[in-house]
């Protein structure tokens, strides 16, 4: 199943479930409060689950999932007031274990999808290729901001160039001698190609997956 198909099914099922709940409430079949304490944390939890299933676990999406769950438990006082925050130390230990597992998963994905050249989680990171050859790769940004400066890079023929962005922002600056094709899957986000698409130049194809974030390609 392709990622685009999975995304459509994932969000479609959630929307159908919401409609069924609201419909049942309307005809008194049940009384389910969709605005329960901490309902807003689902906007953190669900996208992180989506990215774990589609792109594999990494520090960003797993940390986001755990933070969302802790906030949900804290709002519902499942373990009593403020008890959830006492789970921070166990969470740190869990994240260390997850990072070890994620490293193994990334190694397998790199063999399939190309080398992971850059990754940003809960931070701001800039990658500069001035005077250096750029051969594509995989760039991941979760809960942060990434700037990829290719404006003075040496671009001839690139390997697969993929961007995964969740709850973040990725800006790619390209030289004026390339012809950019930007395509991808978007869930509650945006991808923009601000380059001249009619121009003939060195082909540069970018595949972007974006959820609750923005991927923008800018011509320098």
Protein backbone atom coordinates (compact mmCIF):
# COMPACT_ATOMS: atom_id res chain seq x y z
CA UNK A 1 0.00 0.00 0.00
CA UNK A 2 1.40 3.39 -0.97
CA UNK A 3 1.87 6.14 1.60
CA UNK A 4 -0.68 8.32 -0.18
CA UNK A 5 -3.29 5.53 -0.05
CA UNK A 6 -2.56 4.87 3.62
CA UNK A 7 -2.89 8.58 4.41
CA UNK A 8 -6.27 8.76 2.68
CA UNK A 9 -7.53 5.69 4.55
CA UNK A 10 -6.11 6.89 7.89
CA UNK A 11 -7.70 10.34 7.83
CA UNK A 12 -10.86 9.03 6.11
CA UNK A 13 -11.50 6.51 8.90
CA UNK A 14 -11.00 9.20 11.55
CA UNK A 15 -13.46 11.56 9.84
CA UNK A 16 -16.02 8.76 9.44
CA UNK A 17 -15.64 7.82 13.12
CA UNK A 18 -16.21 11.44 14.13
CA UNK A 19 -19.30 11.63 11.93
CA UNK A 20 -20.71 8.41 13.41
CA UNK A 21 -20.15 9.66 16.96
CA UNK A 22 -21.83 13.01 16.26
CA UNK A 23 -24.70 11.27 14.43
CA UNK A 24 -25.28 8.86 17.31
CA UNK A 25 -25.28 11.77 19.74
CA UNK A 26 -27.85 13.58 17.61
CA UNK A 27 -30.38 10.68 17.66
CA UNK A 28 -29.63 9.75 21.29
CA UNK A 29 -28.08 6.37 20.49
CA UNK A 30 -25.26 7.28 22.83
CA UNK A 31 -23.79 10.32 24.49
CA UNK A 32 -20.10 10.57 23.69
CA UNK A 33 -18.43 13.88 24.47
CA UNK A 34 -15.89 14.51 21.70
CA UNK A 35 -14.63 17.57 23.59
CA UNK A 36 -13.44 15.61 26.60
CA UNK A 37 -10.67 17.06 28.80
CA UNK A 38 -7.49 17.12 26.75
CA UNK A 39 -9.22 16.45 23.41
CA UNK A 40 -6.81 18.91 21.75
CA UNK A 41 -3.89 16.55 22.45
CA UNK A 42 -5.20 14.32 19.66
CA UNK A 43 -3.83 16.90 17.22
CA UNK A 44 -0.41 15.88 18.53
CA UNK A 45 -0.97 12.16 19.05
CA UNK A 46 -2.67 11.21 15.77
CA UNK A 47 -0.19 12.85 13.35
CA UNK A 48 2.71 11.32 15.27
CA UNK A 49 1.09 7.89 15.00
CA UNK A 50 0.63 8.46 11.28
CA UNK A 51 4.31 9.30 10.78
CA UNK A 52 5.46 6.33 12.88
CA UNK A 53 3.46 3.96 10.67
CA UNK A 54 4.40 5.58 7.35
CA UNK A 55 8.00 6.73 7.86
CA UNK A 56 9.15 4.58 10.74
CA UNK A 57 9.88 5.65 14.32
CA UNK A 58 12.38 8.38 14.97
CA UNK A 59 13.12 10.68 17.91
CA UNK A 60 10.78 13.43 16.70
CA UNK A 61 7.59 11.47 16.10
CA UNK A 62 8.04 9.18 19.11
CA UNK A 63 8.83 12.11 21.42
CA UNK A 64 5.79 13.95 20.08
CA UNK A 65 3.60 10.89 20.67
CA UNK A 66 4.81 10.46 24.25
CA UNK A 67 4.43 14.17 25.03
CA UNK A 68 0.90 14.09 23.60
CA UNK A 69 -0.03 11.05 25.71
CA UNK A 70 1.42 12.61 28.89
CA UNK A 71 -0.54 15.82 28.25
CA UNK A 72 -3.70 13.77 27.68
CA UNK A 73 -3.22 11.81 30.91
CA UNK A 74 -2.49 15.02 32.78
CA UNK A 75 -5.65 16.72 31.48
CA UNK A 76 -7.84 13.72 32.29
CA UNK A 77 -6.08 13.21 35.66
CA UNK A 78 -5.96 9.49 34.91
CA UNK A 79 -3.24 8.95 37.52
CA UNK A 80 -4.21 11.89 39.70
CA UNK A 81 -3.14 15.53 39.42
CA UNK A 82 0.46 16.09 38.35
CA UNK A 83 1.27 12.36 38.51
CA UNK A 84 1.80 12.24 34.75
CA UNK A 85 4.72 14.66 34.97
CA UNK A 86 6.49 12.24 37.30
CA UNK A 87 6.74 9.97 34.28
CA UNK A 88 9.31 12.26 32.66
CA UNK A 89 12.32 10.21 33.78
CA UNK A 90 10.86 6.93 32.51
CA UNK A 91 9.98 8.73 29.29
CA UNK A 92 13.59 9.84 28.83
CA UNK A 93 14.73 6.23 29.32
CA UNK A 94 12.13 5.03 26.83
CA UNK A 95 13.26 7.60 24.28
CA UNK A 96 16.84 6.38 24.59
CA UNK A 97 15.66 2.87 23.81
CA UNK A 98 13.51 4.11 20.95
CA UNK A 99 16.44 6.02 19.47
CA UNK A 100 18.45 2.79 19.40
CA UNK A 101 15.61 0.99 17.61
CA UNK A 102 15.10 3.94 15.27
CA UNK A 103 18.76 3.82 14.27
CA UNK A 104 18.30 0.25 13.12
CA UNK A 105 15.12 1.16 11.23
CA UNK A 106 16.84 4.12 9.57
CA UNK A 107 19.68 1.91 8.43
CA UNK A 108 17.19 -0.37 6.69
CA UNK A 109 15.35 2.59 5.16
CA UNK A 110 18.59 4.15 3.94
CA UNK A 111 19.38 1.05 1.92
CA UNK A 112 15.95 1.32 0.33
CA UNK A 113 15.43 5.07 -0.02
CA UNK A 114 18.90 6.55 -0.07
CA UNK A 115 21.26 8.00 2.51
CA UNK A 116 19.79 10.17 5.26
CA UNK A 117 21.79 13.37 4.85
CA UNK A 118 20.08 15.52 7.47
CA UNK A 119 17.75 15.29 10.44
CA UNK A 120 16.30 17.89 12.81
CA UNK A 121 14.11 17.33 15.89
CA UNK A 122 13.02 20.07 18.31
CA UNK A 123 15.68 22.40 16.94
CA UNK A 124 16.71 24.66 14.07
CA UNK A 125 19.28 23.34 11.62
CA UNK A 126 20.88 24.68 8.44
CA UNK A 127 22.69 22.60 5.84
CA UNK A 128 24.94 24.52 3.45
CA UNK A 129 26.34 22.97 0.28
CA UNK A 130 28.34 25.96 -0.98
CA UNK A 131 30.84 24.67 -3.54
CA UNK A 132 30.00 21.08 -2.66
CA UNK A 133 28.38 18.42 -4.86
CA UNK A 134 24.79 17.62 -3.95
CA UNK A 135 23.68 14.09 -4.75
CA UNK A 136 20.26 13.94 -3.13
CA UNK A 137 19.33 11.92 -0.06
CA UNK A 138 16.71 11.95 2.67
CA UNK A 139 16.09 14.93 4.98
CA UNK A 140 13.81 14.71 8.02
CA UNK A 141 12.40 17.50 10.17
CA UNK A 142 10.14 16.96 13.20
CA UNK A 143 9.06 19.75 15.55
CA UNK A 144 11.73 22.08 14.24
CA UNK A 145 13.00 24.18 11.34
CA UNK A 146 15.38 23.07 8.62
CA UNK A 147 17.05 25.21 5.96
CA UNK A 148 18.77 23.45 3.08
CA UNK A 149 20.92 25.85 1.06
CA UNK A 150 21.75 24.50 -2.41
CA UNK A 151 22.06 27.93 -4.02
CA UNK A 152 25.80 27.49 -4.63
CA UNK A 153 25.91 23.71 -4.71
CA UNK A 154 27.24 21.65 -7.59
CA UNK A 155 24.17 19.87 -8.96
CA UNK A 156 24.55 17.51 -11.88
CA UNK A 157 22.47 14.38 -11.55
CA UNK A 158 20.89 13.70 -8.16
CA UNK A 159 19.79 10.51 -6.54
CA UNK A 160 16.32 10.38 -4.94
CA UNK A 161 15.78 13.58 -2.97
CA UNK A 162 13.16 13.16 -0.25
CA UNK A 163 11.91 15.42 2.53
CA UNK A 164 9.86 14.26 5.52
CA UNK A 165 8.36 17.11 7.55
CA UNK A 166 6.03 16.82 10.53
CA UNK A 167 5.16 19.73 12.82
CA UNK A 168 7.97 21.76 11.31
CA UNK A 169 9.21 23.89 8.45
CA UNK A 170 11.65 23.02 5.67
CA UNK A 171 13.00 25.60 3.24
CA UNK A 172 15.12 24.55 0.27
CA UNK A 173 17.10 27.25 -1.56
CA UNK A 174 18.09 26.24 -5.08
CA UNK A 175 20.23 27.89 -7.81
CA UNK A 176 18.63 29.44 -10.89
CA UNK A 177 20.08 26.82 -13.25
CA UNK A 178 17.82 23.99 -12.08
CA UNK A 179 14.31 22.98 -13.05
CA UNK A 180 12.48 21.94 -9.88
CA UNK A 181 9.67 19.41 -9.74
CA UNK A 182 8.06 19.26 -6.30
CA UNK A 183 5.59 16.51 -5.54
CA UNK A 184 4.42 14.68 -2.46
CA UNK A 185 1.75 13.86 0.12
CA UNK A 186 0.28 16.53 2.38
CA UNK A 187 -1.84 16.10 5.52
CA UNK A 188 -2.82 19.35 7.24
CA UNK A 189 0.23 21.06 5.80
CA UNK A 190 1.51 22.78 2.68
CA UNK A 191 4.19 22.32 0.03
CA UNK A 192 5.14 25.22 -2.25
CA UNK A 193 7.37 25.45 -5.30
CA UNK A 194 8.23 29.14 -5.73
CA UNK A 195 10.60 28.49 -8.65
CA UNK A 196 9.90 29.16 -12.32
CA UNK A 197 8.42 25.81 -13.38
CA UNK A 198 8.52 26.75 -17.07
CA UNK A 199 12.27 27.19 -17.07
CA UNK A 200 14.55 24.59 -18.66
CA UNK A 201 17.50 23.57 -16.51
CA UNK A 202 19.13 20.74 -14.59
CA UNK A 203 16.23 18.55 -13.40
CA UNK A 204 15.80 18.41 -9.64
CA UNK A 205 12.91 16.25 -8.42
CA UNK A 206 11.90 16.62 -4.78
CA UNK A 207 9.48 14.22 -3.10
CA UNK A 208 7.99 15.69 0.08
CA UNK A 209 5.82 14.23 2.81
CA UNK A 210 4.34 16.97 4.98
CA UNK A 211 2.02 16.74 7.97
CA UNK A 212 1.15 19.79 10.08
CA UNK A 213 4.04 21.69 8.57
CA UNK A 214 5.40 23.44 5.49
CA UNK A 215 7.89 22.56 2.78
CA UNK A 216 8.96 25.43 0.54
CA UNK A 217 11.40 25.52 -2.39
CA UNK A 218 12.84 28.96 -3.12
CA UNK A 219 14.99 30.04 -6.07
CA UNK A 220 17.96 32.23 -5.17
